[in-house]
Each structure stands twice: as structure tokens, then as C-alpha cells.
Amino acid sequence: MAKKFNCDKCENGRITHYMHVDNGFCYKCNGTGKLSYDPTPKGNIEIDECLEKEYEEIKAEQEMIAKAEQGNWKCANNIEPDYWGE
């Protein structure tokens, strides 16, 4: 006998949020509440060290751009750097 898995969309074949439509009948499991396959997603991508390093580089670049824009704004408005404690 094949193993049955609980449906990830409903509870016992009914979706309570959609009771106003076809009495909440779940078409994914045909109203049984059980599936013949495992509904959990496969191949989830964990955050790699590469992706994390790339994220940190982008974050540092954005901070550098923000600081440069602030310096340009101060220069354009004739604000002395000493006034801001720099």
C-alpha cells in the first residue's frame, strides 16, 4: 500500500477560507485530505557563502554611494565638513 501524505492546502478535504465556493472542496486532494506524494518543496536553495558574500559586497557598495551622495549634497550647499563633525 502506498504511503499517503497530508494535503498541504486543506484540512480533511475542505478549505475553510473558501467555504463560500463549492463548500471549500479541495481539488488538490479531491476532497480526501491525503496525497499520494510528499507536498513539501524539494531542492530548497540554502543561502550559500557566495551569495552571502555578494550580499555583503552590495550592502557595502550601497553604503559607500549613500556617503558619497551626502558629501556631494554638503559640497553643493556650501556646508563645511567641520560643521558636521567630520
N, C-alpha and C. Protein backbone atom coordinates (compact mmCIF):
# COMPACT_ATOMS: atom_id res chain seq x y z
N MET A 1 0.84 -1.17 0.00
CA MET A 1 0.00 0.00 0.00
C MET A 1 0.89 1.24 0.00
N ALA A 2 0.55 2.19 -0.86
CA ALA A 2 1.35 3.41 -0.99
C ALA A 2 1.13 4.32 0.22
N LYS A 3 2.19 5.00 0.59
CA LYS A 3 2.11 5.92 1.72
C LYS A 3 1.30 7.15 1.31
N LYS A 4 0.47 7.64 2.18
CA LYS A 4 -0.34 8.83 1.93
C LYS A 4 0.20 9.98 2.79
N PHE A 5 0.21 11.16 2.21
CA PHE A 5 0.68 12.36 2.89
C PHE A 5 -0.49 13.32 3.09
N ASN A 6 -0.45 14.07 4.18
CA ASN A 6 -1.50 15.06 4.42
C ASN A 6 -1.41 16.16 3.37
N CYS A 7 -2.57 16.60 2.90
CA CYS A 7 -2.64 17.68 1.91
C CYS A 7 -2.17 18.98 2.56
N ASP A 8 -1.35 19.74 1.84
CA ASP A 8 -0.83 20.99 2.38
C ASP A 8 -1.76 22.18 2.11
N LYS A 9 -2.86 21.96 1.40
CA LYS A 9 -3.79 23.04 1.07
C LYS A 9 -5.06 23.04 1.92
N CYS A 10 -5.40 21.92 2.52
CA CYS A 10 -6.68 21.82 3.21
C CYS A 10 -6.57 21.04 4.51
N GLU A 11 -7.72 20.94 5.17
CA GLU A 11 -7.85 20.10 6.35
C GLU A 11 -8.99 19.12 6.08
N ASN A 12 -8.67 17.87 5.94
CA ASN A 12 -9.66 16.82 5.68
C ASN A 12 -10.50 17.09 4.44
N GLY A 13 -9.89 17.64 3.40
CA GLY A 13 -10.58 17.82 2.13
C GLY A 13 -11.36 19.11 1.99
N ARG A 14 -11.37 19.96 3.00
CA ARG A 14 -12.09 21.23 2.96
C ARG A 14 -11.14 22.37 3.30
N ILE A 15 -11.30 23.47 2.55
CA ILE A 15 -10.53 24.69 2.81
C ILE A 15 -11.49 25.67 3.46
N THR A 16 -11.33 25.92 4.74
CA THR A 16 -12.30 26.74 5.48
C THR A 16 -12.42 28.16 4.94
N HIS A 17 -11.32 28.70 4.43
CA HIS A 17 -11.34 30.06 3.89
C HIS A 17 -12.22 30.16 2.64
N TYR A 18 -12.38 29.06 1.93
CA TYR A 18 -13.17 29.05 0.69
C TYR A 18 -14.48 28.26 0.84
N MET A 19 -15.07 28.29 2.01
CA MET A 19 -16.33 27.57 2.22
C MET A 19 -17.47 28.16 1.38
N HIS A 20 -17.33 29.40 0.95
CA HIS A 20 -18.35 30.03 0.11
C HIS A 20 -18.27 29.59 -1.35
N VAL A 21 -17.20 28.91 -1.71
CA VAL A 21 -17.03 28.42 -3.08
C VAL A 21 -17.01 26.90 -3.05
N ASP A 22 -18.05 26.29 -3.60
CA ASP A 22 -18.13 24.83 -3.70
C ASP A 22 -17.91 24.15 -2.35
N ASN A 23 -18.42 24.78 -1.30
CA ASN A 23 -18.28 24.27 0.08
C ASN A 23 -16.83 24.02 0.48
N GLY A 24 -15.90 24.77 -0.09
CA GLY A 24 -14.49 24.66 0.28
C GLY A 24 -13.82 23.39 -0.18
N PHE A 25 -14.39 22.72 -1.18
CA PHE A 25 -13.84 21.46 -1.69
C PHE A 25 -12.42 21.66 -2.18
N CYS A 26 -11.50 20.81 -1.75
CA CYS A 26 -10.09 20.89 -2.16
C CYS A 26 -9.89 20.03 -3.40
N TYR A 27 -9.53 20.68 -4.49
CA TYR A 27 -9.31 19.95 -5.74
C TYR A 27 -7.92 19.34 -5.82
N LYS A 28 -7.02 19.78 -4.96
CA LYS A 28 -5.67 19.22 -4.98
C LYS A 28 -5.68 17.76 -4.54
N CYS A 29 -6.48 17.47 -3.52
CA CYS A 29 -6.52 16.10 -3.00
C CYS A 29 -7.86 15.42 -3.30
N ASN A 30 -8.70 16.05 -4.10
CA ASN A 30 -10.04 15.55 -4.44
C ASN A 30 -10.91 15.32 -3.20
N GLY A 31 -10.74 16.20 -2.23
CA GLY A 31 -11.58 16.15 -1.04
C GLY A 31 -11.25 15.06 -0.04
N THR A 32 -10.14 14.37 -0.23
CA THR A 32 -9.78 13.29 0.70
C THR A 32 -8.91 13.76 1.85
N GLY A 33 -8.17 14.84 1.64
CA GLY A 33 -7.25 15.32 2.66
C GLY A 33 -5.91 14.62 2.63
N LYS A 34 -5.75 13.67 1.70
CA LYS A 34 -4.50 12.90 1.58
C LYS A 34 -3.98 12.99 0.15
N LEU A 35 -2.65 12.97 0.01
CA LEU A 35 -1.98 13.00 -1.29
C LEU A 35 -1.11 11.76 -1.44
N SER A 36 -0.91 11.35 -2.67
CA SER A 36 -0.07 10.18 -2.92
C SER A 36 1.41 10.55 -3.02
N TYR A 37 1.71 11.84 -2.92
CA TYR A 37 3.10 12.31 -2.99
C TYR A 37 3.37 13.27 -1.84
N ASP A 38 4.64 13.49 -1.56
CA ASP A 38 5.04 14.40 -0.49
C ASP A 38 4.96 15.84 -1.01
N PRO A 39 4.09 16.68 -0.43
CA PRO A 39 3.91 18.03 -0.95
C PRO A 39 4.99 19.03 -0.52
N THR A 40 5.92 18.62 0.34
CA THR A 40 6.95 19.56 0.78
C THR A 40 7.86 19.88 -0.39
N PRO A 41 8.25 21.16 -0.53
CA PRO A 41 9.08 21.55 -1.67
C PRO A 41 10.45 20.88 -1.62
N LYS A 42 10.92 20.49 -2.78
CA LYS A 42 12.23 19.85 -2.90
C LYS A 42 13.23 20.84 -3.47
N GLY A 43 14.48 20.64 -3.15
CA GLY A 43 15.54 21.45 -3.73
C GLY A 43 15.58 22.88 -3.24
N ASN A 44 15.18 23.10 -2.00
CA ASN A 44 15.29 24.45 -1.46
C ASN A 44 16.75 24.88 -1.48
N ILE A 45 16.99 26.08 -1.91
CA ILE A 45 18.36 26.58 -2.00
C ILE A 45 18.70 27.28 -0.69
N GLU A 46 19.67 26.75 -0.01
CA GLU A 46 20.16 27.40 1.19
C GLU A 46 21.03 28.58 0.77
N ILE A 47 21.12 29.58 1.63
CA ILE A 47 21.95 30.73 1.30
C ILE A 47 23.41 30.28 1.33
N ASP A 48 24.04 30.34 0.18
CA ASP A 48 25.45 29.95 0.06
C ASP A 48 26.32 31.02 0.70
N GLU A 49 27.53 30.62 0.99
CA GLU A 49 28.51 31.60 1.46
C GLU A 49 28.77 32.60 0.35
N CYS A 50 28.75 32.14 -0.91
CA CYS A 50 28.96 33.03 -2.06
C CYS A 50 27.87 34.08 -2.11
N LEU A 51 26.62 33.66 -1.97
CA LEU A 51 25.51 34.60 -2.02
C LEU A 51 25.58 35.58 -0.85
N GLU A 52 25.97 35.08 0.31
CA GLU A 52 26.08 35.94 1.47
C GLU A 52 27.20 36.96 1.28
N LYS A 53 28.32 36.51 0.70
CA LYS A 53 29.44 37.42 0.44
C LYS A 53 29.02 38.48 -0.57
N GLU A 54 28.30 38.07 -1.62
CA GLU A 54 27.83 39.01 -2.64
C GLU A 54 26.87 40.03 -2.02
N TYR A 55 26.00 39.56 -1.12
CA TYR A 55 25.07 40.45 -0.43
C TYR A 55 25.84 41.49 0.38
N GLU A 56 26.86 41.05 1.10
CA GLU A 56 27.66 41.98 1.92
C GLU A 56 28.37 43.00 1.04
N GLU A 57 28.89 42.56 -0.12
CA GLU A 57 29.56 43.49 -1.03
C GLU A 57 28.59 44.53 -1.56
N ILE A 58 27.39 44.11 -1.92
CA ILE A 58 26.38 45.04 -2.43
C ILE A 58 25.99 46.02 -1.34
N LYS A 59 25.83 45.53 -0.12
CA LYS A 59 25.46 46.39 1.00
C LYS A 59 26.55 47.44 1.25
N ALA A 60 27.81 47.03 1.22
CA ALA A 60 28.92 47.95 1.43
C ALA A 60 28.96 49.00 0.30
N GLU A 61 28.71 48.57 -0.93
CA GLU A 61 28.70 49.50 -2.06
C GLU A 61 27.57 50.52 -1.92
N GLN A 62 26.40 50.07 -1.48
CA GLN A 62 25.28 50.98 -1.28
C GLN A 62 25.58 52.00 -0.19
N GLU A 63 26.23 51.57 0.88
CA GLU A 63 26.61 52.49 1.95
C GLU A 63 27.62 53.52 1.45
N MET A 64 28.58 53.07 0.62
CA MET A 64 29.57 53.97 0.06
C MET A 64 28.91 55.01 -0.84
N ILE A 65 27.94 54.59 -1.66
CA ILE A 65 27.23 55.50 -2.55
C ILE A 65 26.44 56.52 -1.74
N ALA A 66 25.77 56.07 -0.67
CA ALA A 66 24.99 56.98 0.17
C ALA A 66 25.90 58.02 0.82
N LYS A 67 27.08 57.60 1.27
CA LYS A 67 28.02 58.53 1.90
C LYS A 67 28.53 59.55 0.87
N ALA A 68 28.81 59.09 -0.35
CA ALA A 68 29.27 59.99 -1.40
C ALA A 68 28.18 60.99 -1.78
N GLU A 69 26.94 60.53 -1.86
CA GLU A 69 25.83 61.43 -2.17
C GLU A 69 25.66 62.48 -1.09
N GLN A 70 25.81 62.08 0.17
CA GLN A 70 25.71 63.03 1.27
C GLN A 70 26.84 64.06 1.18
N GLY A 71 28.06 63.61 0.87
CA GLY A 71 29.19 64.54 0.71
C GLY A 71 28.96 65.50 -0.44
N ASN A 72 28.41 65.00 -1.55
CA ASN A 72 28.11 65.87 -2.70
C ASN A 72 27.05 66.90 -2.33
N TRP A 73 26.04 66.48 -1.56
CA TRP A 73 24.99 67.40 -1.14
C TRP A 73 25.57 68.51 -0.26
N LYS A 74 26.45 68.12 0.68
CA LYS A 74 27.08 69.11 1.56
C LYS A 74 27.93 70.09 0.76
N CYS A 75 28.67 69.57 -0.22
CA CYS A 75 29.51 70.42 -1.05
C CYS A 75 28.65 71.38 -1.88
N ALA A 76 27.56 70.88 -2.45
CA ALA A 76 26.68 71.71 -3.28
C ALA A 76 25.99 72.79 -2.46
N ASN A 77 25.78 72.56 -1.18
CA ASN A 77 25.11 73.53 -0.31
C ASN A 77 26.09 74.33 0.54
N ASN A 78 27.36 74.26 0.18
CA ASN A 78 28.43 75.01 0.87
C ASN A 78 28.43 74.76 2.37
N ILE A 79 28.30 73.53 2.76
CA ILE A 79 28.35 73.17 4.17
C ILE A 79 29.75 72.66 4.47
N GLU A 80 30.37 73.25 5.46
CA GLU A 80 31.73 72.88 5.82
C GLU A 80 31.74 71.51 6.50
N PRO A 81 32.70 70.66 6.16
CA PRO A 81 32.78 69.34 6.80
C PRO A 81 32.97 69.41 8.32
N ASP A 82 33.67 70.45 8.81
CA ASP A 82 33.89 70.58 10.25
C ASP A 82 32.59 70.79 11.01
N TYR A 83 31.63 71.43 10.35
CA TYR A 83 30.35 71.69 10.98
C TYR A 83 29.63 70.40 11.37
N TRP A 84 29.81 69.34 10.57
CA TRP A 84 29.14 68.07 10.80
C TRP A 84 29.99 67.10 11.63
N GLY A 85 31.11 67.58 12.12
CA GLY A 85 31.94 66.74 12.97
C GLY A 85 32.78 65.75 12.18
N GLU A 86 33.11 66.09 10.97
CA GLU A 86 33.93 65.20 10.14
C GLU A 86 35.38 65.60 10.21
